[in-house]
C-alpha atoms as a PDB file:
ATOM      1  CA  MET A   1      -9.350  15.546  -9.320  1.00  0.00           C
ATOM      2  CA  ASP A   2     -10.982  12.147  -9.056  1.00  0.00           C
ATOM      3  CA  CYS A   3     -11.867  11.954  -5.367  1.00  0.00           C
ATOM      4  CA  CYS A   4     -13.166   9.052  -3.278  1.00  0.00           C
ATOM      5  CA  GLY A   5     -15.314   6.651  -5.256  1.00  0.00           C
ATOM      6  CA  GLY A   6     -18.227   4.488  -4.243  1.00  0.00           C
ATOM      7  CA  GLU A   7     -18.531   1.496  -1.984  1.00  0.00           C
ATOM      8  CA  ARG A   8     -16.659  -0.845  -4.328  1.00  0.00           C
ATOM      9  CA  ASP A   9     -13.871   1.626  -5.013  1.00  0.00           C
ATOM     10  CA  ARG A  10     -10.891   0.231  -3.143  1.00  0.00           C
ATOM     11  CA  ARG A  11      -8.495   3.048  -3.966  1.00  0.00           C
ATOM     12  CA  PRO A  12      -7.091   4.407  -0.700  1.00  0.00           C
ATOM     13  CA  VAL A  13      -7.989   8.068  -0.294  1.00  0.00           C
ATOM     14  CA  ILE A  14      -4.880  10.250   0.035  1.00  0.00           C
ATOM     15  CA  GLY A  15      -5.282  13.384   2.134  1.00  0.00           C
ATOM     16  CA  VAL A  16      -3.058  16.340   1.209  1.00  0.00           C
ATOM     17  CA  SER A  17      -2.584  19.189   3.667  1.00  0.00           C
ATOM     18  CA  ALA A  18      -0.069  21.912   4.472  1.00  0.00           C
ATOM     19  CA  VAL A  19       0.883  23.695   7.686  1.00  0.00           C
ATOM     20  CA  ILE A  20       1.810  27.311   8.233  1.00  0.00           C
ATOM     21  CA  ASP A  21       2.947  29.567  11.055  1.00  0.00           C
ATOM     22  CA  GLY A  22      -0.379  30.833  12.400  1.00  0.00           C
ATOM     23  CA  ARG A  23       0.878  34.225  13.615  1.00  0.00           C
ATOM     24  CA  GLU A  24      -0.697  37.026  11.577  1.00  0.00           C
ATOM     25  CA  ALA A  25       2.550  38.632  10.437  1.00  0.00           C
ATOM     26  CA  ALA A  26       3.913  35.261   9.295  1.00  0.00           C
ATOM     27  CA  MET A  27       0.629  34.375   7.593  1.00  0.00           C
ATOM     28  CA  LYS A  28       0.795  37.489   5.441  1.00  0.00           C
ATOM     29  CA  ARG A  29       4.331  36.690   4.293  1.00  0.00           C
ATOM     30  CA  GLN A  30       3.915  32.963   3.730  1.00  0.00           C
ATOM     31  CA  LYS A  31       0.289  32.194   2.814  1.00  0.00           C
ATOM     32  CA  GLY A  32       0.615  32.516  -0.959  1.00  0.00           C
ATOM     33  CA  ARG A  33       3.744  30.395  -1.069  1.00  0.00           C
ATOM     34  CA  VAL A  34       2.352  27.613   1.137  1.00  0.00           C
ATOM     35  CA  GLU A  35      -0.950  27.450  -0.777  1.00  0.00           C
ATOM     36  CA  ARG A  36       0.969  27.160  -4.024  1.00  0.00           C
ATOM     37  CA  VAL A  37       3.210  24.313  -2.879  1.00  0.00           C
ATOM     38  CA  ALA A  38       0.197  22.477  -1.433  1.00  0.00           C
ATOM     39  CA  ARG A  39      -1.504  22.658  -4.861  1.00  0.00           C
ATOM     40  CA  MET A  40       1.685  21.386  -6.482  1.00  0.00           C
ATOM     41  CA  LEU A  41       1.746  18.378  -4.171  1.00  0.00           C
ATOM     42  CA  ALA A  42      -1.918  17.558  -4.790  1.00  0.00           C
ATOM     43  CA  GLU A  43      -1.465  17.879  -8.562  1.00  0.00           C
ATOM     44  CA  PHE A  44       1.597  15.637  -8.446  1.00  0.00           C
ATOM     45  CA  VAL A  45      -0.264  12.910  -6.547  1.00  0.00           C
ATOM     46  CA  ASP A  46      -3.275  13.208  -8.838  1.00  0.00           C
ATOM     47  CA  GLY A  47      -1.325  13.245 -12.089  1.00  0.00           C
ATOM     48  CA  GLU A  48       1.773  11.137 -11.516  1.00  0.00           C
ATOM     49  CA  CYS A  49       0.894   8.554  -8.847  1.00  0.00           C
ATOM     50  CA  PRO A  50      -1.985   6.473 -10.236  1.00  0.00           C
ATOM     51  CA  HIS A  51      -3.487   3.571  -8.341  1.00  0.00           C
ATOM     52  CA  VAL A  52      -2.147   0.112  -9.177  1.00  0.00           C
ATOM     53  CA  ASP A  53      -5.214  -0.545 -11.352  1.00  0.00           C
ATOM     54  CA  GLY A  54      -4.306   2.415 -13.590  1.00  0.00           C
ATOM     55  CA  ARG A  55      -6.979   4.823 -12.401  1.00  0.00           C
ATOM     56  CA  PRO A  56      -6.013   8.228 -10.974  1.00  0.00           C
ATOM     57  CA  ALA A  57      -5.316   8.372  -7.259  1.00  0.00           C
ATOM     58  CA  ALA A  58      -8.242   9.301  -5.015  1.00  0.00           C
ATOM     59  CA  VAL A  59      -7.116  12.635  -3.556  1.00  0.00           C
ATOM     60  CA  CYS A  60      -8.746  14.799  -0.893  1.00  0.00           C
ATOM     61  CA  VAL A  61      -7.211  18.275  -0.526  1.00  0.00           C
ATOM     62  CA  ALA A  62      -7.615  20.184   2.743  1.00  0.00           C
ATOM     63  CA  ASP A  63     -10.058  23.068   2.521  1.00  0.00           C
ATOM     64  CA  GLU A  64      -7.657  25.312   4.446  1.00  0.00           C
ATOM     65  CA  LEU A  65      -4.103  25.537   5.701  1.00  0.00           C
ATOM     66  CA  VAL A  66      -3.444  24.087   9.141  1.00  0.00           C
ATOM     67  CA  ARG A  67      -2.494  27.124  11.230  1.00  0.00           C
ATOM     68  CA  ASP A  68      -3.849  26.543  14.738  1.00  0.00           C
ATOM     69  CA  ALA A  69      -5.703  24.049  16.924  1.00  0.00           C
ATOM     70  CA  ALA A  70      -9.115  24.893  15.450  1.00  0.00           C
ATOM     71  CA  SER A  71      -8.009  24.557  11.821  1.00  0.00           C
ATOM     72  CA  ALA A  72      -6.198  21.276  12.627  1.00  0.00           C
ATOM     73  CA  GLN A  73      -9.477  19.863  13.976  1.00  0.00           C
ATOM     74  CA  ARG A  74     -11.470  21.074  10.962  1.00  0.00           C
ATOM     75  CA  VAL A  75      -9.048  19.571   8.447  1.00  0.00           C
ATOM     76  CA  GLY A  76      -8.877  16.321  10.426  1.00  0.00           C
ATOM     77  CA  ARG A  77     -12.671  16.023  10.439  1.00  0.00           C
ATOM     78  CA  GLN A  78     -12.835  16.845   6.735  1.00  0.00           C
ATOM     79  CA  PHE A  79     -10.391  14.010   6.071  1.00  0.00           C
ATOM     80  CA  ARG A  80     -12.376  11.654   8.296  1.00  0.00           C
ATOM     81  CA  ARG A  81     -15.567  12.352   6.333  1.00  0.00           C
ATOM     82  CA  ALA A  82     -13.683  11.713   3.087  1.00  0.00           C
ATOM     83  CA  GLY A  83     -12.322   8.407   4.406  1.00  0.00           C
ATOM     84  CA  VAL A  84      -8.659   9.420   4.184  1.00  0.00           C
ATOM     85  CA  GLN A  85      -6.344   6.433   4.695  1.00  0.00           C
ATOM     86  CA  VAL A  86      -2.992   8.005   3.738  1.00  0.00           C
ATOM     87  CA  LEU A  87      -1.788  11.448   4.852  1.00  0.00           C
ATOM     88  CA  LEU A  88       0.711  13.691   3.048  1.00  0.00           C
ATOM     89  CA  CYS A  89       1.472  16.923   4.851  1.00  0.00           C
ATOM     90  CA  TYR A  90       3.713  19.524   3.211  1.00  0.00           C
ATOM     91  CA  ASP A  91       5.811  21.586   5.606  1.00  0.00           C
ATOM     92  CA  ASP A  92       7.221  24.358   3.447  1.00  0.00           C
ATOM     93  CA  VAL A  93       7.830  26.867   6.229  1.00  0.00           C
ATOM     94  CA  TRP A  94       8.554  26.822   9.934  1.00  0.00           C
ATOM     95  CA  ALA A  95       5.565  26.352  12.256  1.00  0.00           C
ATOM     96  CA  TYR A  96       4.575  25.094  15.704  1.00  0.00           C
ATOM     97  CA  PRO A  97       3.869  21.334  15.628  1.00  0.00           C
ATOM     98  CA  GLY A  98       2.775  20.824  19.221  1.00  0.00           C
ATOM     99  CA  GLU A  99      -0.778  22.113  18.921  1.00  0.00           C
ATOM    100  CA  LEU A 100      -1.329  21.008  15.324  1.00  0.00           C
ATOM    101  CA  GLU A 101      -0.021  17.523  14.707  1.00  0.00           C
ATOM    102  CA  GLY A 102      -1.833  15.467  17.321  1.00  0.00           C
ATOM    103  CA  LEU A 103      -5.162  17.198  16.728  1.00  0.00           C
ATOM    104  CA  LEU A 104      -4.947  16.713  12.958  1.00  0.00           C
ATOM    105  CA  LEU A 105      -4.273  12.976  13.182  1.00  0.00           C
ATOM    106  CA  GLN A 106      -6.590  12.304  16.107  1.00  0.00           C
ATOM    107  CA  ASN A 107      -9.492  13.850  14.235  1.00  0.00           C
ATOM    108  CA  ILE A 108      -8.816  11.755  11.121  1.00  0.00           C
ATOM    109  CA  GLY A 109      -9.285   8.504  13.031  1.00  0.00           C
ATOM    110  CA  MET A 110      -8.635   6.572  16.206  1.00  0.00           C
ATOM    111  CA  GLY A 111      -5.805   4.441  14.814  1.00  0.00           C
ATOM    112  CA  GLN A 112      -2.603   4.929  12.876  1.00  0.00           C
ATOM    113  CA  ILE A 113      -2.569   5.568   9.160  1.00  0.00           C
ATOM    114  CA  PRO A 114       0.483   5.870   6.886  1.00  0.00           C
ATOM    115  CA  ALA A 115       1.636   9.489   7.206  1.00  0.00           C
ATOM    116  CA  ALA A 116       4.541  11.452   5.769  1.00  0.00           C
ATOM    117  CA  HIS A 117       5.829  14.977   6.224  1.00  0.00           C
ATOM    118  CA  VAL A 118       7.313  16.469   3.077  1.00  0.00           C
ATOM    119  CA  SER A 119       9.629  19.453   3.263  1.00  0.00           C
ATOM    120  CA  GLY A 120      12.529  21.243   1.611  1.00  0.00           C
ATOM    121  CA  ASN A 121      15.194  23.756   2.473  1.00  0.00           C
ATOM    122  CA  SER A 122      14.379  26.432  -0.087  1.00  0.00           C
ATOM    123  CA  ALA A 123      12.008  28.636   1.925  1.00  0.00           C
ATOM    124  CA  ALA A 124      13.257  31.575   3.964  1.00  0.00           C
ATOM    125  CA  TRP A 125      12.048  29.716   7.091  1.00  0.00           C
ATOM    126  CA  PRO A 126      12.535  26.060   6.081  1.00  0.00           C
ATOM    127  CA  GLY A 127       9.792  23.632   7.041  1.00  0.00           C
ATOM    128  CA  VAL A 128      12.232  20.797   7.649  1.00  0.00           C
ATOM    129  CA  VAL A 129      12.439  22.053  11.245  1.00  0.00           C
ATOM    130  CA  TYR A 130       8.684  21.537  11.621  1.00  0.00           C
ATOM    131  CA  ALA A 131       8.904  18.080   9.990  1.00  0.00           C
ATOM    132  CA  CYS A 132      11.588  16.928  12.429  1.00  0.00           C
ATOM    133  CA  ALA A 133       9.748  18.326  15.452  1.00  0.00           C
ATOM    134  CA  ALA A 134       6.373  16.947  14.358  1.00  0.00           C
ATOM    135  CA  THR A 135       7.579  13.410  13.621  1.00  0.00           C
ATOM    136  CA  GLY A 136       9.601  13.428  16.848  1.00  0.00           C
ATOM    137  CA  MET A 137       6.556  14.459  18.840  1.00  0.00           C
ATOM    138  CA  LEU A 138       4.484  11.718  17.224  1.00  0.00           C
ATOM    139  CA  ALA A 139       7.151   9.094  17.897  1.00  0.00           C
ATOM    140  CA  GLN A 140       6.987   9.906  21.599  1.00  0.00           C
ATOM    141  CA  TRP A 141       3.486   8.475  21.768  1.00  0.00           C
ATOM    142  CA  GLY A 142       4.173   5.580  19.383  1.00  0.00           C
ATOM    143  CA  TYR A 143       2.899   7.124  16.135  1.00  0.00           C
ATOM    144  CA  PHE A 144       5.585   6.728  13.491  1.00  0.00           C
ATOM    145  CA  ALA A 145       5.508   9.034  10.464  1.00  0.00           C
ATOM    146  CA  HIS A 146       8.026   9.333   7.642  1.00  0.00           C
ATOM    147  CA  ARG A 147      10.054  12.405   6.691  1.00  0.00           C
ATOM    148  CA  ILE A 148      10.676  13.142   3.014  1.00  0.00           C
ATOM    149  CA  VAL A 149      13.111  16.018   2.466  1.00  0.00           C
ATOM    150  CA  GLY A 150      13.943  17.172  -1.058  1.00  0.00           C
ATOM    151  CA  ASP A 151      14.594  20.138  -3.315  1.00  0.00           C
ATOM    152  CA  VAL A 152      11.959  22.454  -4.748  1.00  0.00           C
ATOM    153  CA  VAL A 153      12.722  24.302  -7.964  1.00  0.00           C
ATOM    154  CA  GLU A 154      12.026  28.019  -7.532  1.00  0.00           C
ATOM    155  CA  LYS A 155      11.128  30.756  -9.994  1.00  0.00           C
ATOM    156  CA  ASP A 156      10.901  34.401  -8.909  1.00  0.00           C
ATOM    157  CA  GLU A 157      11.314  33.255  -5.303  1.00  0.00           C
ATOM    158  CA  MET A 158       8.225  31.042  -5.521  1.00  0.00           C
ATOM    159  CA  PRO A 159       8.044  27.237  -5.753  1.00  0.00           C
ATOM    160  CA  ALA A 160       7.637  26.103  -9.365  1.00  0.00           C
ATOM    161  CA  ALA A 161       8.325  22.359  -9.415  1.00  0.00           C
ATOM    162  CA  PHE A 162       9.606  19.441  -7.389  1.00  0.00           C
ATOM    163  CA  SER A 163      13.050  18.095  -8.187  1.00  0.00           C
ATOM    164  CA  ALA A 164      13.366  14.688  -9.844  1.00  0.00           C
ATOM    165  CA  GLY A 165      14.759  13.228  -6.619  1.00  0.00           C
ATOM    166  CA  LEU A 166      11.854  14.489  -4.525  1.00  0.00           C
ATOM    167  CA  LYS A 167       9.351  13.139  -7.053  1.00  0.00           C
ATOM    168  CA  ALA A 168      11.016   9.725  -6.938  1.00  0.00           C
ATOM    169  CA  ASP A 169      10.941   9.665  -3.143  1.00  0.00           C
ATOM    170  CA  LEU A 170       7.280  10.695  -3.085  1.00  0.00           C
ATOM    171  CA  SER A 171       6.331   8.043  -5.640  1.00  0.00           C
ATOM    172  CA  ASP A 172       8.143   5.305  -3.722  1.00  0.00           C
ATOM    173  CA  TRP A 173       6.557   6.266  -0.414  1.00  0.00           C
ATOM    174  CA  LEU A 174       3.064   6.575  -1.875  1.00  0.00           C
ATOM    175  CA  ALA A 175       3.365   3.142  -3.493  1.00  0.00           C
ATOM    176  CA  ALA A 176       4.221   1.611  -0.108  1.00  0.00           C
ATOM    177  CA  ALA A 177       1.659   3.639   1.869  1.00  0.00           C
ATOM    178  CA  THR A 178      -1.267   2.939  -0.470  1.00  0.00           C
ATOM    179  CA  THR A 179      -0.342  -0.756  -0.529  1.00  0.00           C
ATOM    180  CA  VAL A 180      -0.606  -0.903   3.260  1.00  0.00           C
ATOM    181  CA  ALA A 181      -3.885   1.038   3.173  1.00  0.00           C
ATOM    182  CA  ASP A 182      -5.263  -1.241   0.455  1.00  0.00           C
ATOM    183  CA  MET A 183      -4.346  -4.381   2.414  1.00  0.00           C
ATOM    184  CA  TRP A 184      -5.752  -3.123   5.710  1.00  0.00           C
ATOM    185  CA  GLY A 185      -8.891  -5.013   6.725  1.00  0.00           C
ATOM    186  CA  THR A 186      -8.451  -7.777   4.153  1.00  0.00           C
ATOM    187  CA  PRO A 187      -7.602 -11.459   4.705  1.00  0.00           C
ATOM    188  CA  TYR A 188      -4.397 -13.281   3.895  1.00  0.00           C
ATOM    189  CA  ALA A 189      -5.270 -16.629   2.326  1.00  0.00           C
ATOM    190  CA  SER A 190      -2.958 -19.224   3.873  1.00  0.00           C
ATOM    191  CA  PHE A 191      -3.160 -22.505   1.960  1.00  0.00           C
ATOM    192  CA  GLY A 192      -1.900 -25.548   3.859  1.00  0.00           C
ATOM    193  CA  GLY A 193       0.504 -25.664   6.782  1.00  0.00           C
ATOM    194  CA  HIS A 194       3.904 -24.095   7.266  1.00  0.00           C
ATOM    195  CA  SER A 195       6.800 -25.439   5.260  1.00  0.00           C
ATOM    196  CA  MET A 196       8.622 -28.461   6.772  1.00  0.00           C
ATOM    197  CA  ASN A 197       7.172 -27.482  10.179  1.00  0.00           C
ATOM    198  CA  MET A 198       9.572 -24.529  10.377  1.00  0.00           C
ATOM    199  CA  GLU A 199       8.377 -21.362  12.092  1.00  0.00           C
ATOM    200  CA  THR A 200       9.989 -19.316   9.315  1.00  0.00           C
ATOM    201  CA  GLY A 201       7.339 -20.719   7.003  1.00  0.00           C
ATOM    202  CA  LEU A 202       4.443 -19.977   9.347  1.00  0.00           C
ATOM    203  CA  ALA A 203       1.885 -17.262   8.717  1.00  0.00           C
ATOM    204  CA  HIS A 204       2.291 -15.145  11.859  1.00  0.00           C
ATOM    205  CA  VAL A 205      -1.224 -14.012  12.636  1.00  0.00           C
ATOM    206  CA  ILE A 206      -0.748 -11.351  15.335  1.00  0.00           C
ATOM    207  CA  PRO A 207       2.065  -9.271  13.721  1.00  0.00           C
ATOM    208  CA  ALA A 208       0.223  -9.291  10.391  1.00  0.00           C
ATOM    209  CA  ARG A 209      -2.946  -8.105  12.109  1.00  0.00           C
ATOM    210  CA  ARG A 210      -1.157  -5.485  14.209  1.00  0.00           C
ATOM    211  CA  TYR A 211       1.123  -3.906  11.610  1.00  0.00           C
ATOM    212  CA  PHE A 212      -0.751  -4.459   8.341  1.00  0.00           C
ATOM    213  CA  GLY A 213      -4.363  -4.911   9.441  1.00  0.00           C
ATOM    214  CA  VAL A 214      -4.401  -8.274   7.664  1.00  0.00           C
ATOM    215  CA  ASN A 215      -6.249 -11.232   9.158  1.00  0.00           C
ATOM    216  CA  THR A 216      -5.211 -14.768   8.234  1.00  0.00           C
ATOM    217  CA  VAL A 217      -7.738 -17.246   6.835  1.00  0.00           C
ATOM    218  CA  HIS A 218      -6.513 -20.847   6.711  1.00  0.00           C
ATOM    219  CA  ILE A 219      -7.621 -23.044   3.795  1.00  0.00           C
ATOM    220  CA  ASP A 220      -7.027 -26.780   3.844  1.00  0.00           C
ATOM    221  CA  MET A 221      -5.356 -28.118   0.706  1.00  0.00           C
ATOM    222  CA  MET A 222      -8.147 -30.691   0.430  1.00  0.00           C
ATOM    223  CA  GLU A 223     -10.407 -27.809  -0.592  1.00  0.00           C
ATOM    224  CA  ILE A 224      -8.196 -27.325  -3.646  1.00  0.00           C
ATOM    225  CA  ARG A 225      -8.230 -31.028  -4.407  1.00  0.00           C
ATOM    226  CA  GLY A 226     -12.020 -31.176  -4.157  1.00  0.00           C
ATOM    227  CA  ARG A 227     -12.535 -28.276  -6.549  1.00  0.00           C
ATOM    228  CA  ILE A 228     -10.062 -29.664  -9.068  1.00  0.00           C
ATOM    229  CA  GLY A 229     -11.916 -32.979  -8.960  1.00  0.00           C
ATOM    230  CA  THR A 230     -15.085 -31.341 -10.310  1.00  0.00           C
ATOM    231  CA  GLY A 231     -13.430 -30.879 -13.726  1.00  0.00           C
ATOM    232  CA  HIS A 232     -14.476 -27.236 -13.722  1.00  0.00           C
ATOM    233  CA  TYR A 233     -10.925 -26.031 -14.404  1.00  0.00           C
ATOM    234  CA  ASP A 234      -9.861 -28.507 -17.088  1.00  0.00           C
ATOM    235  CA  HIS A 235     -10.353 -26.240 -20.099  1.00  0.00           C
ATOM    236  CA  GLU A 236      -8.994 -23.043 -18.548  1.00  0.00           C
ATOM    237  CA  SER A 237      -5.924 -24.839 -17.191  1.00  0.00           C
ATOM    238  CA  LEU A 238      -5.035 -25.971 -20.722  1.00  0.00           C
ATOM    239  CA  GLU A 239      -5.337 -22.377 -21.927  1.00  0.00           C
ATOM    240  CA  LEU A 240      -3.045 -21.256 -19.114  1.00  0.00           C
ATOM    241  CA  LEU A 241      -0.548 -24.013 -19.908  1.00  0.00           C
ATOM    242  CA  SER A 242      -0.596 -23.020 -23.577  1.00  0.00           C
ATOM    243  CA  TRP A 243       0.207 -19.439 -22.557  1.00  0.00           C
ATOM    244  CA  LEU A 244       3.146 -20.666 -20.469  1.00  0.00           C
ATOM    245  CA  GLU A 245       4.450 -22.648 -23.446  1.00  0.00           C
ATOM    246  CA  ARG A 246       4.305 -19.539 -25.627  1.00  0.00           C
ATOM    247  CA  MET A 247       6.118 -17.499 -22.980  1.00  0.00           C
ATOM    248  CA  MET A 248       8.791 -20.188 -22.416  1.00  0.00           C
ATOM    249  CA  PRO A 249       9.308 -21.943 -25.743  1.00  0.00           C
ATOM    250  CA  GLY A 250      11.276 -25.173 -25.512  1.00  0.00           C
ATOM    251  CA  ARG A 251      11.454 -25.136 -21.712  1.00  0.00           C
ATOM    252  CA  ILE A 252       8.362 -27.214 -20.881  1.00  0.00           C
ATOM    253  CA  HIS A 253       8.850 -30.937 -21.579  1.00  0.00           C
ATOM    254  CA  GLU A 254       6.481 -33.867 -21.718  1.00  0.00           C
ATOM    255  CA  LYS A 255       8.889 -35.792 -19.511  1.00  0.00           C
ATOM    256  CA  SER A 256      11.468 -34.537 -17.069  1.00  0.00           C
ATOM    257  CA  VAL A 257      14.937 -34.118 -18.547  1.00  0.00           C
ATOM    258  CA  HIS A 258      16.484 -34.268 -15.065  1.00  0.00           C
ATOM    259  CA  GLY A 259      15.092 -37.485 -13.710  1.00  0.00           C
ATOM    260  CA  ASP A 260      12.491 -36.760 -11.026  1.00  0.00           C
ATOM    261  CA  ARG A 261      13.775 -33.330 -10.033  1.00  0.00           C
ATOM    262  CA  GLU A 262      11.500 -31.237 -12.277  1.00  0.00           C
ATOM    263  CA  PRO A 263       7.771 -31.601 -12.857  1.00  0.00           C
ATOM    264  CA  THR A 264       6.606 -32.980 -16.184  1.00  0.00           C
ATOM    265  CA  ARG A 265       4.050 -31.250 -18.366  1.00  0.00           C
ATOM    266  CA  GLU A 266       1.330 -33.256 -16.612  1.00  0.00           C
ATOM    267  CA  HIS A 267       2.422 -31.939 -13.230  1.00  0.00           C
ATOM    268  CA  LEU A 268       2.541 -28.392 -14.552  1.00  0.00           C
ATOM    269  CA  GLU A 269      -1.006 -28.731 -15.884  1.00  0.00           C
ATOM    270  CA  TYR A 270      -2.141 -29.764 -12.403  1.00  0.00           C
ATOM    271  CA  GLN A 271      -0.365 -26.770 -10.906  1.00  0.00           C
ATOM    272  CA  CYS A 272      -2.248 -24.534 -13.349  1.00  0.00           C
ATOM    273  CA  LYS A 273      -5.472 -25.954 -11.949  1.00  0.00           C
ATOM    274  CA  MET A 274      -4.234 -25.260  -8.431  1.00  0.00           C
ATOM    275  CA  TYR A 275      -3.470 -21.668  -9.415  1.00  0.00           C
ATOM    276  CA  LEU A 276      -6.965 -21.183 -10.829  1.00  0.00           C
ATOM    277  CA  VAL A 277      -8.598 -22.650  -7.712  1.00  0.00           C
ATOM    278  CA  MET A 278      -6.506 -20.499  -5.371  1.00  0.00           C
ATOM    279  CA  LYS A 279      -7.300 -17.415  -7.434  1.00  0.00           C
ATOM    280  CA  GLU A 280     -11.017 -18.219  -7.197  1.00  0.00           C
ATOM    281  CA  ILE A 281     -10.885 -18.802  -3.437  1.00  0.00           C
ATOM    282  CA  MET A 282      -9.006 -15.545  -2.876  1.00  0.00           C
ATOM    283  CA  ALA A 283     -11.630 -13.671  -4.901  1.00  0.00           C
ATOM    284  CA  GLU A 284     -14.390 -15.232  -2.798  1.00  0.00           C
ATOM    285  CA  LEU A 285     -12.609 -14.139   0.389  1.00  0.00           C
ATOM    286  CA  GLY A 286     -11.757 -10.663  -0.906  1.00  0.00           C
ATOM    287  CA  ALA A 287      -8.105 -11.440  -0.160  1.00  0.00           C
ATOM    288  CA  THR A 288      -5.350  -9.193  -1.463  1.00  0.00           C
ATOM    289  CA  VAL A 289      -2.535 -11.678  -0.873  1.00  0.00           C
ATOM    290  CA  GLY A 290      -2.145 -15.398  -0.408  1.00  0.00           C
ATOM    291  CA  GLY A 291       0.449 -18.141  -0.205  1.00  0.00           C
ATOM    292  CA  SER A 292       0.846 -21.890  -0.075  1.00  0.00           C
ATOM    293  CA  ARG A 293       3.230 -24.335   1.487  1.00  0.00           C
ATOM    294  CA  GLY A 294       6.335 -24.630  -0.661  1.00  0.00           C
ATOM    295  CA  SER A 295       7.649 -28.078   0.241  1.00  0.00           C
ATOM    296  CA  GLY A 296       6.312 -31.148   1.950  1.00  0.00           C
ATOM    297  CA  SER A 297       7.213 -33.290   4.928  1.00  0.00           C
ATOM    298  CA  GLY A 298       4.038 -35.277   5.458  1.00  0.00           C
ATOM    299  CA  PRO A 299       0.780 -36.403   3.861  1.00  0.00           C
ATOM    300  CA  THR A 300      -1.464 -33.718   5.346  1.00  0.00           C
ATOM    301  CA  THR A 301      -0.563 -30.911   2.947  1.00  0.00           C
ATOM    302  CA  CYS A 302       0.115 -30.689  -0.759  1.00  0.00           C
ATOM    303  CA  PRO A 303       2.856 -28.325  -1.963  1.00  0.00           C
ATOM    304  CA  PRO A 304       2.569 -27.109  -5.555  1.00  0.00           C
ATOM    305  CA  ALA A 305       5.593 -28.927  -6.998  1.00  0.00           C
ATOM    306  CA  THR A 306       4.622 -32.356  -5.669  1.00  0.00           C
ATOM    307  CA  CYS A 307       0.847 -32.115  -5.387  1.00  0.00           C
ATOM    308  CA  ARG A 308       0.103 -34.441  -8.295  1.00  0.00           C
ATOM    309  CA  ARG A 309       2.184 -37.292  -6.821  1.00  0.00           C
ATOM    310  CA  ARG A 310       0.584 -36.833  -3.392  1.00  0.00           C
ATOM    311  CA  PHE A 311      -2.953 -36.848  -4.767  1.00  0.00           C
END
């Protein structure tokens, strides 16, 4: 598996672990089954849930099953060293969450990370009981984890594959969790003010920082105007406009066919320059997301659709 890259590798590292009833008699009965389903989960993440850039997911598999307080600490510290930012824990069989869950997560890091407990009802002692107890215990101290319950296909009383429904649920959750992890610690590029002075169009700094780890950087629209004025984007904007014309044949006109309600080709060319400038600024900031004011109510900002008239 392709695990944790270098300094420039922005793929969130996904930690995969599994819990088991730590009593000796239960360990003997369940160990082979739990190890097998943990490998299945890791192989699924590695093979079927690539990063958005097309590369395989960065996966870190626990060196051992979580069975008691000591093993929970060891696995948590292993994940911390690997830089785990997303946690998938498979709960195939019944276990005691109280002494495991908090220690595992607290040793990974000092803050919350996206975490999910995956379980099914096919084992003789279903792990869904552990998943419910563990996520409930976490919720009591404000740590919210997801529960993903699905079917496991069995062969000779051993797990052989995940059902299509469980795979779909895992893929959806991993897409959301890795997106949050990828955004965490990056800036949101906010171009201009909020639309028509409405709070619904305002970039809310504190919630974005608290829930997504995203800090807001405000960029005045005059910065865009100044860069466009250098002429640096003239050639590339024409290439972009030509691409738009190929993608939308017959829909881009030299003059507006609806009076002044739609931008002409000249306005669209200017918007292409704005797009290129914003893309460049976001790259300079290392921003993963950005947005601009969508409509105007005064001369201090320049929304995309009317920027040419304002300037």
